[in-house]
Amino acid sequence: MYGGAFWALWNLPRPLALAAAQESTEPVVFTEHEWRTVEAITGRIVPTDHEPGAIEANCVNFIDKALANEDADLRPAYAAGLPSLDALARERHGNDFEALGPEAQDAVLIALEDDDAVRWPAEAGSAPEFFETVRTHTIIGLLADAKYGGNQDYVGWKVVGYPGPRHHVGGYTPAQMLGREPIRPIWDRE
């Protein structure tokens, strides 16, 4: 349903989300409970292990600002999907999604991905489409420029070893390409 559109969204300027992210890290679209739920989902999609994950990257802030602006057409999917996710979590594990342990949260997300969620609302897309939407938003929030509200402290870029786009004008120097000079990452230059 949303697949190819995300590649375009990743590569298009997002001036409204940029402005919103620079203005505040407070929720714009999500209620407090929705914020915690989306944060918990992102934390299972890119969990914290020996490296920081989606929670440390503040992917939920990126998603909130994107839904308030350029991705506003996806707000109904989240508005319908999040309560249904909680209902599925309560039905199978006795509590809202954000209150479950990691194994139970994983089981709920696997049920979405496997289209094993009964009474899933059409407004959210299919359960697998909803999961893919949140997963894609999470990945973009982890890897997009931090100015858009995610990738806090360049967590995502540090994990994947990307030094940032603001290197030598014209690209890497020949000496950097050959490993003779270091490439200074953006977080060492600011």
N, C-alpha and C. Protein backbone atom coordinates (compact mmCIF):
# COMPACT_ATOMS: atom_id res chain seq x y z
N MET A 1 0.83 -1.20 0.00
CA MET A 1 0.00 0.00 0.00
C MET A 1 0.87 1.25 0.00
N TYR A 2 1.92 1.29 0.86
CA TYR A 2 2.70 2.50 0.99
C TYR A 2 4.13 2.33 0.47
N GLY A 3 4.60 1.11 0.25
CA GLY A 3 5.97 0.73 -0.08
C GLY A 3 6.80 1.71 -0.86
N GLY A 4 6.60 1.85 -2.17
CA GLY A 4 7.45 2.69 -3.01
C GLY A 4 7.37 4.16 -2.67
N ALA A 5 6.30 4.59 -2.08
CA ALA A 5 6.16 6.01 -1.74
C ALA A 5 7.19 6.43 -0.69
N PHE A 6 7.59 5.50 0.18
CA PHE A 6 8.55 5.86 1.21
C PHE A 6 9.91 6.18 0.64
N TRP A 7 10.31 5.51 -0.45
CA TRP A 7 11.60 5.83 -1.04
C TRP A 7 11.58 7.29 -1.52
N ALA A 8 10.48 7.69 -2.11
CA ALA A 8 10.37 9.08 -2.55
C ALA A 8 10.35 10.02 -1.35
N LEU A 9 9.62 9.64 -0.30
CA LEU A 9 9.55 10.49 0.90
C LEU A 9 10.93 10.67 1.52
N TRP A 10 11.74 9.64 1.50
CA TRP A 10 13.07 9.69 2.09
C TRP A 10 13.93 10.72 1.36
N ASN A 11 13.74 10.82 0.06
CA ASN A 11 14.62 11.63 -0.77
C ASN A 11 14.08 13.02 -1.09
N LEU A 12 12.89 13.34 -0.66
CA LEU A 12 12.33 14.66 -0.91
C LEU A 12 12.59 15.58 0.27
N PRO A 13 12.79 16.85 0.02
CA PRO A 13 12.92 17.80 1.13
C PRO A 13 11.64 17.77 1.97
N ARG A 14 11.78 17.93 3.26
CA ARG A 14 10.65 17.88 4.18
C ARG A 14 10.67 19.16 5.02
N PRO A 15 10.42 20.32 4.40
CA PRO A 15 10.58 21.57 5.13
C PRO A 15 9.62 21.73 6.31
N LEU A 16 8.41 21.22 6.21
CA LEU A 16 7.46 21.38 7.31
C LEU A 16 7.86 20.53 8.51
N ALA A 17 8.23 19.28 8.25
CA ALA A 17 8.69 18.40 9.33
C ALA A 17 9.98 18.95 9.93
N LEU A 18 10.83 19.49 9.10
CA LEU A 18 12.08 20.09 9.57
C LEU A 18 11.78 21.22 10.54
N ALA A 19 10.89 22.11 10.15
CA ALA A 19 10.54 23.24 11.01
C ALA A 19 9.92 22.76 12.32
N ALA A 20 9.03 21.78 12.24
CA ALA A 20 8.38 21.26 13.44
C ALA A 20 9.38 20.59 14.37
N ALA A 21 10.32 19.83 13.80
CA ALA A 21 11.33 19.14 14.61
C ALA A 21 12.26 20.14 15.28
N GLN A 22 12.56 21.22 14.60
CA GLN A 22 13.45 22.23 15.18
C GLN A 22 12.73 23.07 16.23
N GLU A 23 11.42 23.11 16.15
CA GLU A 23 10.64 23.91 17.08
C GLU A 23 10.46 23.20 18.43
N SER A 24 10.27 21.86 18.40
CA SER A 24 9.92 21.16 19.63
C SER A 24 10.15 19.66 19.52
N THR A 25 10.44 19.04 20.64
CA THR A 25 10.49 17.57 20.70
C THR A 25 9.24 17.03 21.40
N GLU A 26 8.29 17.90 21.65
CA GLU A 26 7.03 17.50 22.27
C GLU A 26 6.09 16.90 21.22
N PRO A 27 5.20 16.00 21.63
CA PRO A 27 4.24 15.42 20.68
C PRO A 27 3.37 16.48 20.02
N VAL A 28 3.16 16.31 18.72
CA VAL A 28 2.27 17.19 17.95
C VAL A 28 1.02 16.42 17.56
N VAL A 29 1.20 15.20 17.09
CA VAL A 29 0.09 14.36 16.63
C VAL A 29 -0.31 13.35 17.69
N PHE A 30 0.65 12.70 18.29
CA PHE A 30 0.39 11.61 19.22
C PHE A 30 -0.03 12.11 20.59
N THR A 31 -0.94 11.35 21.22
CA THR A 31 -1.20 11.53 22.65
C THR A 31 0.01 10.96 23.39
N GLU A 32 0.07 11.19 24.69
CA GLU A 32 1.19 10.63 25.47
C GLU A 32 1.23 9.11 25.35
N HIS A 33 0.06 8.48 25.44
CA HIS A 33 0.01 7.01 25.33
C HIS A 33 0.43 6.55 23.94
N GLU A 34 -0.04 7.21 22.90
CA GLU A 34 0.36 6.84 21.54
C GLU A 34 1.87 7.02 21.36
N TRP A 35 2.41 8.11 21.91
CA TRP A 35 3.86 8.36 21.82
C TRP A 35 4.62 7.18 22.43
N ARG A 36 4.21 6.78 23.66
CA ARG A 36 4.90 5.67 24.33
C ARG A 36 4.74 4.36 23.55
N THR A 37 3.56 4.17 22.95
CA THR A 37 3.33 2.95 22.17
C THR A 37 4.20 2.93 20.93
N VAL A 38 4.23 4.03 20.18
CA VAL A 38 5.06 4.08 18.98
C VAL A 38 6.54 3.96 19.37
N GLU A 39 6.93 4.60 20.45
CA GLU A 39 8.31 4.47 20.91
C GLU A 39 8.64 3.00 21.22
N ALA A 40 7.71 2.30 21.86
CA ALA A 40 7.93 0.88 22.16
C ALA A 40 8.02 0.04 20.88
N ILE A 41 7.18 0.35 19.90
CA ILE A 41 7.24 -0.37 18.62
C ILE A 41 8.60 -0.15 17.97
N THR A 42 9.03 1.11 17.90
CA THR A 42 10.31 1.40 17.26
C THR A 42 11.45 0.70 18.01
N GLY A 43 11.31 0.61 19.34
CA GLY A 43 12.33 -0.05 20.15
C GLY A 43 12.43 -1.54 19.91
N ARG A 44 11.39 -2.14 19.38
CA ARG A 44 11.45 -3.57 19.03
C ARG A 44 11.90 -3.74 17.58
N ILE A 45 11.63 -2.75 16.73
CA ILE A 45 12.06 -2.84 15.33
C ILE A 45 13.58 -2.66 15.25
N VAL A 46 14.11 -1.68 15.95
CA VAL A 46 15.57 -1.49 16.04
C VAL A 46 15.91 -1.43 17.53
N PRO A 47 16.08 -2.61 18.14
CA PRO A 47 16.30 -2.64 19.59
C PRO A 47 17.69 -2.16 19.99
N THR A 48 17.78 -1.76 21.23
CA THR A 48 19.06 -1.41 21.82
C THR A 48 19.76 -2.70 22.21
N ASP A 49 21.00 -2.86 21.78
CA ASP A 49 21.81 -3.99 22.20
C ASP A 49 23.18 -3.43 22.56
N HIS A 50 24.24 -3.91 21.98
CA HIS A 50 25.55 -3.30 22.23
C HIS A 50 25.68 -1.94 21.53
N GLU A 51 24.71 -1.61 20.71
CA GLU A 51 24.63 -0.31 20.03
C GLU A 51 23.30 0.33 20.40
N PRO A 52 23.22 1.65 20.37
CA PRO A 52 21.93 2.31 20.60
C PRO A 52 20.94 1.96 19.50
N GLY A 53 19.67 2.04 19.83
CA GLY A 53 18.63 1.69 18.86
C GLY A 53 17.69 2.85 18.59
N ALA A 54 16.49 2.52 18.16
CA ALA A 54 15.50 3.51 17.74
C ALA A 54 15.05 4.42 18.88
N ILE A 55 15.02 3.89 20.10
CA ILE A 55 14.59 4.75 21.22
C ILE A 55 15.63 5.84 21.46
N GLU A 56 16.90 5.47 21.47
CA GLU A 56 17.96 6.47 21.66
C GLU A 56 18.01 7.45 20.49
N ALA A 57 17.67 6.99 19.30
CA ALA A 57 17.65 7.86 18.13
C ALA A 57 16.42 8.76 18.10
N ASN A 58 15.47 8.54 19.01
CA ASN A 58 14.24 9.33 19.11
C ASN A 58 13.42 9.26 17.82
N CYS A 59 13.32 8.04 17.28
CA CYS A 59 12.54 7.85 16.05
C CYS A 59 11.09 8.26 16.21
N VAL A 60 10.54 8.11 17.41
CA VAL A 60 9.15 8.49 17.63
C VAL A 60 8.94 9.98 17.36
N ASN A 61 9.92 10.81 17.68
CA ASN A 61 9.80 12.25 17.41
C ASN A 61 9.77 12.50 15.91
N PHE A 62 10.64 11.81 15.17
CA PHE A 62 10.61 11.94 13.71
C PHE A 62 9.23 11.55 13.16
N ILE A 63 8.69 10.42 13.63
CA ILE A 63 7.40 9.94 13.12
C ILE A 63 6.30 10.94 13.45
N ASP A 64 6.28 11.45 14.68
CA ASP A 64 5.27 12.42 15.08
C ASP A 64 5.32 13.66 14.20
N LYS A 65 6.51 14.19 13.96
CA LYS A 65 6.63 15.40 13.14
C LYS A 65 6.31 15.12 11.67
N ALA A 66 6.67 13.94 11.18
CA ALA A 66 6.33 13.57 9.80
C ALA A 66 4.82 13.48 9.63
N LEU A 67 4.13 12.84 10.60
CA LEU A 67 2.67 12.70 10.52
C LEU A 67 1.96 14.04 10.66
N ALA A 68 2.58 14.98 11.34
CA ALA A 68 1.98 16.31 11.49
C ALA A 68 2.14 17.14 10.23
N ASN A 69 3.00 16.69 9.33
CA ASN A 69 3.32 17.52 8.17
C ASN A 69 3.26 16.72 6.87
N GLU A 70 4.41 16.42 6.28
CA GLU A 70 4.43 15.82 4.94
C GLU A 70 3.77 14.44 4.85
N ASP A 71 3.74 13.69 5.95
CA ASP A 71 3.12 12.36 5.93
C ASP A 71 1.74 12.35 6.57
N ALA A 72 1.07 13.49 6.57
CA ALA A 72 -0.25 13.61 7.21
C ALA A 72 -1.26 12.62 6.65
N ASP A 73 -1.09 12.20 5.40
CA ASP A 73 -2.02 11.23 4.83
C ASP A 73 -1.93 9.87 5.51
N LEU A 74 -0.90 9.62 6.30
CA LEU A 74 -0.76 8.35 7.02
C LEU A 74 -1.30 8.43 8.44
N ARG A 75 -1.75 9.61 8.87
CA ARG A 75 -2.29 9.75 10.22
C ARG A 75 -3.47 8.82 10.49
N PRO A 76 -4.41 8.65 9.54
CA PRO A 76 -5.52 7.73 9.82
C PRO A 76 -5.06 6.29 10.07
N ALA A 77 -4.00 5.87 9.41
CA ALA A 77 -3.49 4.52 9.63
C ALA A 77 -3.00 4.37 11.07
N TYR A 78 -2.27 5.36 11.56
CA TYR A 78 -1.79 5.31 12.94
C TYR A 78 -2.97 5.45 13.92
N ALA A 79 -3.90 6.36 13.62
CA ALA A 79 -5.04 6.59 14.53
C ALA A 79 -5.88 5.33 14.69
N ALA A 80 -6.02 4.54 13.63
CA ALA A 80 -6.78 3.30 13.72
C ALA A 80 -5.91 2.13 14.18
N GLY A 81 -4.66 2.11 13.77
CA GLY A 81 -3.79 0.98 14.05
C GLY A 81 -3.32 0.89 15.49
N LEU A 82 -3.01 2.01 16.12
CA LEU A 82 -2.47 1.96 17.48
C LEU A 82 -3.46 1.42 18.50
N PRO A 83 -4.73 1.86 18.50
CA PRO A 83 -5.68 1.25 19.45
C PRO A 83 -5.90 -0.24 19.15
N SER A 84 -5.86 -0.61 17.89
CA SER A 84 -6.04 -2.01 17.52
C SER A 84 -4.84 -2.85 17.95
N LEU A 85 -3.67 -2.27 17.88
CA LEU A 85 -2.46 -2.94 18.37
C LEU A 85 -2.59 -3.19 19.87
N ASP A 86 -3.04 -2.17 20.61
CA ASP A 86 -3.25 -2.35 22.05
C ASP A 86 -4.31 -3.41 22.34
N ALA A 87 -5.38 -3.42 21.56
CA ALA A 87 -6.43 -4.43 21.75
C ALA A 87 -5.86 -5.83 21.53
N LEU A 88 -5.07 -5.99 20.49
CA LEU A 88 -4.44 -7.29 20.21
C LEU A 88 -3.50 -7.68 21.36
N ALA A 89 -2.73 -6.73 21.86
CA ALA A 89 -1.80 -7.00 22.97
C ALA A 89 -2.58 -7.41 24.22
N ARG A 90 -3.67 -6.71 24.53
CA ARG A 90 -4.48 -7.07 25.70
C ARG A 90 -5.12 -8.44 25.52
N GLU A 91 -5.61 -8.71 24.32
CA GLU A 91 -6.26 -9.99 24.05
C GLU A 91 -5.28 -11.17 24.22
N ARG A 92 -4.07 -11.00 23.75
CA ARG A 92 -3.11 -12.12 23.76
C ARG A 92 -2.18 -12.13 24.97
N HIS A 93 -1.97 -10.95 25.58
CA HIS A 93 -0.98 -10.90 26.65
C HIS A 93 -1.45 -10.13 27.89
N GLY A 94 -2.68 -9.64 27.89
CA GLY A 94 -3.26 -9.06 29.08
C GLY A 94 -2.89 -7.63 29.43
N ASN A 95 -2.24 -6.92 28.50
CA ASN A 95 -1.87 -5.54 28.80
C ASN A 95 -1.66 -4.77 27.50
N ASP A 96 -1.65 -3.42 27.61
CA ASP A 96 -1.34 -2.60 26.44
C ASP A 96 0.06 -2.93 25.93
N PHE A 97 0.30 -2.66 24.67
CA PHE A 97 1.57 -3.01 24.03
C PHE A 97 2.77 -2.45 24.77
N GLU A 98 2.73 -1.17 25.12
CA GLU A 98 3.89 -0.52 25.73
C GLU A 98 4.23 -1.11 27.09
N ALA A 99 3.27 -1.77 27.77
CA ALA A 99 3.50 -2.34 29.10
C ALA A 99 4.03 -3.78 29.04
N LEU A 100 4.04 -4.38 27.86
CA LEU A 100 4.49 -5.76 27.73
C LEU A 100 6.01 -5.85 27.74
N GLY A 101 6.50 -7.03 28.05
CA GLY A 101 7.93 -7.29 27.95
C GLY A 101 8.33 -7.47 26.50
N PRO A 102 9.63 -7.48 26.24
CA PRO A 102 10.13 -7.57 24.86
C PRO A 102 9.62 -8.80 24.09
N GLU A 103 9.57 -9.95 24.73
CA GLU A 103 9.13 -11.16 24.02
C GLU A 103 7.66 -11.07 23.60
N ALA A 104 6.82 -10.56 24.51
CA ALA A 104 5.39 -10.40 24.18
C ALA A 104 5.21 -9.33 23.11
N GLN A 105 5.96 -8.23 23.21
CA GLN A 105 5.88 -7.20 22.17
C GLN A 105 6.28 -7.77 20.81
N ASP A 106 7.35 -8.54 20.79
CA ASP A 106 7.76 -9.17 19.53
C ASP A 106 6.66 -10.07 18.98
N ALA A 107 6.02 -10.83 19.85
CA ALA A 107 4.95 -11.74 19.41
C ALA A 107 3.80 -10.96 18.79
N VAL A 108 3.45 -9.81 19.37
CA VAL A 108 2.37 -8.99 18.82
C VAL A 108 2.78 -8.44 17.45
N LEU A 109 4.00 -7.95 17.33
CA LEU A 109 4.45 -7.41 16.04
C LEU A 109 4.56 -8.51 14.98
N ILE A 110 4.95 -9.69 15.38
CA ILE A 110 4.99 -10.82 14.44
C ILE A 110 3.58 -11.15 13.97
N ALA A 111 2.61 -11.07 14.88
CA ALA A 111 1.22 -11.33 14.49
C ALA A 111 0.77 -10.30 13.45
N LEU A 112 1.16 -9.05 13.61
CA LEU A 112 0.82 -8.04 12.60
C LEU A 112 1.47 -8.38 11.27
N GLU A 113 2.76 -8.62 11.31
CA GLU A 113 3.51 -8.89 10.10
C GLU A 113 2.99 -10.13 9.37
N ASP A 114 2.55 -11.13 10.15
CA ASP A 114 2.02 -12.38 9.57
C ASP A 114 0.54 -12.31 9.25
N ASP A 115 -0.08 -11.14 9.41
CA ASP A 115 -1.51 -10.93 9.16
C ASP A 115 -2.36 -11.84 10.04
N ASP A 116 -1.96 -11.97 11.30
CA ASP A 116 -2.64 -12.82 12.27
C ASP A 116 -3.31 -11.96 13.34
N ALA A 117 -3.87 -10.84 12.94
CA ALA A 117 -4.55 -9.95 13.87
C ALA A 117 -6.03 -9.92 13.50
N VAL A 118 -6.86 -10.45 14.37
CA VAL A 118 -8.30 -10.45 14.10
C VAL A 118 -8.88 -9.07 14.38
N ARG A 119 -9.97 -8.73 13.72
CA ARG A 119 -10.66 -7.46 13.89
C ARG A 119 -9.75 -6.26 13.63
N TRP A 120 -8.89 -6.38 12.64
CA TRP A 120 -7.99 -5.27 12.31
C TRP A 120 -8.76 -4.26 11.47
N PRO A 121 -8.71 -2.97 11.78
CA PRO A 121 -9.51 -1.96 11.08
C PRO A 121 -8.98 -1.66 9.67
N ALA A 122 -9.87 -1.53 8.75
CA ALA A 122 -9.49 -1.23 7.36
C ALA A 122 -8.79 0.13 7.24
N GLU A 123 -9.14 1.07 8.12
CA GLU A 123 -8.53 2.41 8.07
C GLU A 123 -7.01 2.37 8.30
N ALA A 124 -6.52 1.31 8.93
CA ALA A 124 -5.09 1.19 9.21
C ALA A 124 -4.35 0.47 8.09
N GLY A 125 -5.06 0.10 7.02
CA GLY A 125 -4.47 -0.78 6.02
C GLY A 125 -4.50 -2.18 6.61
N SER A 126 -3.99 -3.14 5.92
CA SER A 126 -3.93 -4.47 6.51
C SER A 126 -2.92 -4.44 7.66
N ALA A 127 -2.97 -5.43 8.53
CA ALA A 127 -2.02 -5.49 9.64
C ALA A 127 -0.57 -5.49 9.13
N PRO A 128 -0.23 -6.28 8.09
CA PRO A 128 1.14 -6.21 7.58
C PRO A 128 1.50 -4.84 7.00
N GLU A 129 0.54 -4.16 6.37
CA GLU A 129 0.81 -2.82 5.83
C GLU A 129 1.07 -1.83 6.96
N PHE A 130 0.29 -1.94 8.04
CA PHE A 130 0.52 -1.06 9.18
C PHE A 130 1.90 -1.29 9.77
N PHE A 131 2.26 -2.56 9.96
CA PHE A 131 3.58 -2.87 10.48
C PHE A 131 4.67 -2.30 9.56
N GLU A 132 4.51 -2.48 8.25
CA GLU A 132 5.51 -2.00 7.30
C GLU A 132 5.60 -0.46 7.33
N THR A 133 4.48 0.20 7.53
CA THR A 133 4.49 1.66 7.62
C THR A 133 5.30 2.12 8.81
N VAL A 134 5.04 1.53 9.98
CA VAL A 134 5.78 1.92 11.18
C VAL A 134 7.25 1.52 11.05
N ARG A 135 7.52 0.36 10.50
CA ARG A 135 8.90 -0.10 10.32
C ARG A 135 9.67 0.86 9.40
N THR A 136 9.04 1.24 8.31
CA THR A 136 9.69 2.15 7.37
C THR A 136 9.93 3.51 8.01
N HIS A 137 8.93 4.03 8.71
CA HIS A 137 9.11 5.30 9.42
C HIS A 137 10.25 5.19 10.43
N THR A 138 10.35 4.06 11.11
CA THR A 138 11.41 3.86 12.10
C THR A 138 12.78 3.91 11.44
N ILE A 139 12.93 3.20 10.34
CA ILE A 139 14.22 3.17 9.65
C ILE A 139 14.59 4.56 9.13
N ILE A 140 13.61 5.26 8.57
CA ILE A 140 13.89 6.62 8.10
C ILE A 140 14.27 7.50 9.29
N GLY A 141 13.55 7.39 10.40
CA GLY A 141 13.87 8.18 11.59
C GLY A 141 15.24 7.87 12.16
N LEU A 142 15.69 6.65 11.99
CA LEU A 142 17.01 6.26 12.46
C LEU A 142 18.12 6.79 11.56
N LEU A 143 17.87 6.83 10.25
CA LEU A 143 18.94 7.13 9.30
C LEU A 143 18.86 8.49 8.61
N ALA A 144 17.73 9.18 8.71
CA ALA A 144 17.62 10.50 8.08
C ALA A 144 18.47 11.51 8.85
N ASP A 145 18.71 12.64 8.25
CA ASP A 145 19.46 13.70 8.92
C ASP A 145 18.77 14.05 10.23
N ALA A 146 19.55 14.24 11.27
CA ALA A 146 19.02 14.53 12.60
C ALA A 146 18.13 15.77 12.64
N LYS A 147 18.31 16.66 11.68
CA LYS A 147 17.51 17.90 11.69
C LYS A 147 16.02 17.62 11.52
N TYR A 148 15.65 16.40 11.10
CA TYR A 148 14.24 16.05 10.91
C TYR A 148 13.60 15.46 12.17
N GLY A 149 14.34 15.41 13.27
CA GLY A 149 13.74 15.01 14.53
C GLY A 149 14.11 13.63 15.02
N GLY A 150 14.65 12.78 14.18
CA GLY A 150 15.15 11.47 14.61
C GLY A 150 16.66 11.49 14.59
N ASN A 151 17.25 10.29 14.59
CA ASN A 151 18.71 10.16 14.51
C ASN A 151 19.39 11.10 15.51
N GLN A 152 18.79 11.18 16.70
CA GLN A 152 19.29 12.07 17.75
C GLN A 152 20.75 11.77 18.06
N ASP A 153 21.55 12.79 18.16
CA ASP A 153 22.99 12.66 18.40
C ASP A 153 23.67 11.78 17.36
N TYR A 154 23.07 11.70 16.18
CA TYR A 154 23.61 10.92 15.05
C TYR A 154 23.75 9.44 15.39
N VAL A 155 22.89 8.94 16.27
CA VAL A 155 22.95 7.55 16.70
C VAL A 155 22.94 6.60 15.51
N GLY A 156 22.01 6.78 14.60
CA GLY A 156 21.90 5.88 13.45
C GLY A 156 23.14 5.92 12.58
N TRP A 157 23.64 7.11 12.33
CA TRP A 157 24.82 7.25 11.48
C TRP A 157 26.05 6.64 12.15
N LYS A 158 26.16 6.80 13.46
CA LYS A 158 27.28 6.18 14.18
C LYS A 158 27.22 4.67 14.07
N VAL A 159 26.03 4.10 14.24
CA VAL A 159 25.88 2.65 14.19
C VAL A 159 26.27 2.09 12.82
N VAL A 160 25.85 2.76 11.75
CA VAL A 160 26.16 2.24 10.40
C VAL A 160 27.49 2.75 9.86
N GLY A 161 28.13 3.66 10.58
CA GLY A 161 29.43 4.15 10.14
C GLY A 161 29.38 5.22 9.08
N TYR A 162 28.26 5.92 8.98
CA TYR A 162 28.14 7.00 8.01
C TYR A 162 28.60 8.30 8.65
N PRO A 163 29.61 8.98 8.11
CA PRO A 163 30.14 10.18 8.75
C PRO A 163 29.30 11.43 8.58
N GLY A 164 28.27 11.37 7.78
CA GLY A 164 27.43 12.53 7.55
C GLY A 164 27.67 13.14 6.20
N PRO A 165 26.73 13.94 5.72
CA PRO A 165 26.83 14.49 4.37
C PRO A 165 27.72 15.72 4.27
N ARG A 166 28.11 16.28 5.37
CA ARG A 166 28.80 17.57 5.34
C ARG A 166 30.32 17.40 5.38
N HIS A 167 30.84 16.64 4.44
CA HIS A 167 32.28 16.45 4.36
C HIS A 167 32.87 17.40 3.32
N HIS A 168 34.07 17.18 2.91
CA HIS A 168 34.79 18.03 1.96
C HIS A 168 33.92 18.36 0.75
N VAL A 169 33.89 19.62 0.34
CA VAL A 169 33.13 20.03 -0.83
C VAL A 169 33.62 19.22 -2.03
N GLY A 170 32.71 18.63 -2.75
CA GLY A 170 33.08 17.81 -3.90
C GLY A 170 33.25 16.34 -3.54
N GLY A 171 33.02 16.00 -2.29
CA GLY A 171 33.14 14.60 -1.88
C GLY A 171 34.42 14.34 -1.11
N TYR A 172 34.71 13.09 -0.92
CA TYR A 172 35.92 12.71 -0.21
C TYR A 172 37.15 13.04 -1.05
N THR A 173 38.22 13.38 -0.37
CA THR A 173 39.47 13.65 -1.09
C THR A 173 40.08 12.32 -1.52
N PRO A 174 40.96 12.32 -2.49
CA PRO A 174 41.62 11.08 -2.88
C PRO A 174 42.34 10.42 -1.70
N ALA A 175 42.97 11.21 -0.85
CA ALA A 175 43.67 10.64 0.30
C ALA A 175 42.69 9.96 1.26
N GLN A 176 41.50 10.54 1.43
CA GLN A 176 40.49 9.90 2.27
C GLN A 176 40.00 8.60 1.64
N MET A 177 39.81 8.62 0.34
CA MET A 177 39.35 7.42 -0.36
C MET A 177 40.36 6.28 -0.24
N LEU A 178 41.63 6.62 -0.17
CA LEU A 178 42.68 5.60 -0.07
C LEU A 178 43.03 5.27 1.38
N GLY A 179 42.35 5.91 2.33
CA GLY A 179 42.59 5.64 3.74
C GLY A 179 43.83 6.31 4.30
N ARG A 180 44.37 7.28 3.59
CA ARG A 180 45.58 7.97 4.05
C ARG A 180 45.25 9.14 4.96
N GLU A 181 44.05 9.67 4.85
CA GLU A 181 43.58 10.74 5.72
C GLU A 181 42.26 10.29 6.33
N PRO A 182 42.05 10.65 7.57
CA PRO A 182 40.78 10.24 8.19
C PRO A 182 39.60 11.06 7.66
N ILE A 183 38.46 10.45 7.70
CA ILE A 183 37.21 11.14 7.40
C ILE A 183 36.63 11.55 8.74
N ARG A 184 36.52 12.83 8.97
CA ARG A 184 35.97 13.31 10.23
C ARG A 184 34.45 13.30 10.18
N PRO A 185 33.83 12.52 11.05
CA PRO A 185 32.36 12.50 11.06
C PRO A 185 31.78 13.82 11.55
N ILE A 186 30.55 14.05 11.18
CA ILE A 186 29.88 15.30 11.49
C ILE A 186 29.85 15.56 12.99
N TRP A 187 29.71 14.54 13.83
CA TRP A 187 29.61 14.74 15.26
C TRP A 187 30.96 15.17 15.86
N ASP A 188 32.04 15.00 15.13
CA ASP A 188 33.34 15.51 15.59
C ASP A 188 33.61 16.92 15.08
N ARG A 189 32.75 17.42 14.21
CA ARG A 189 32.96 18.74 13.60
C ARG A 189 32.05 19.80 14.18
N GLU A 190 31.07 19.41 14.91
CA GLU A 190 30.09 20.39 15.40
C GLU A 190 30.45 20.91 16.78
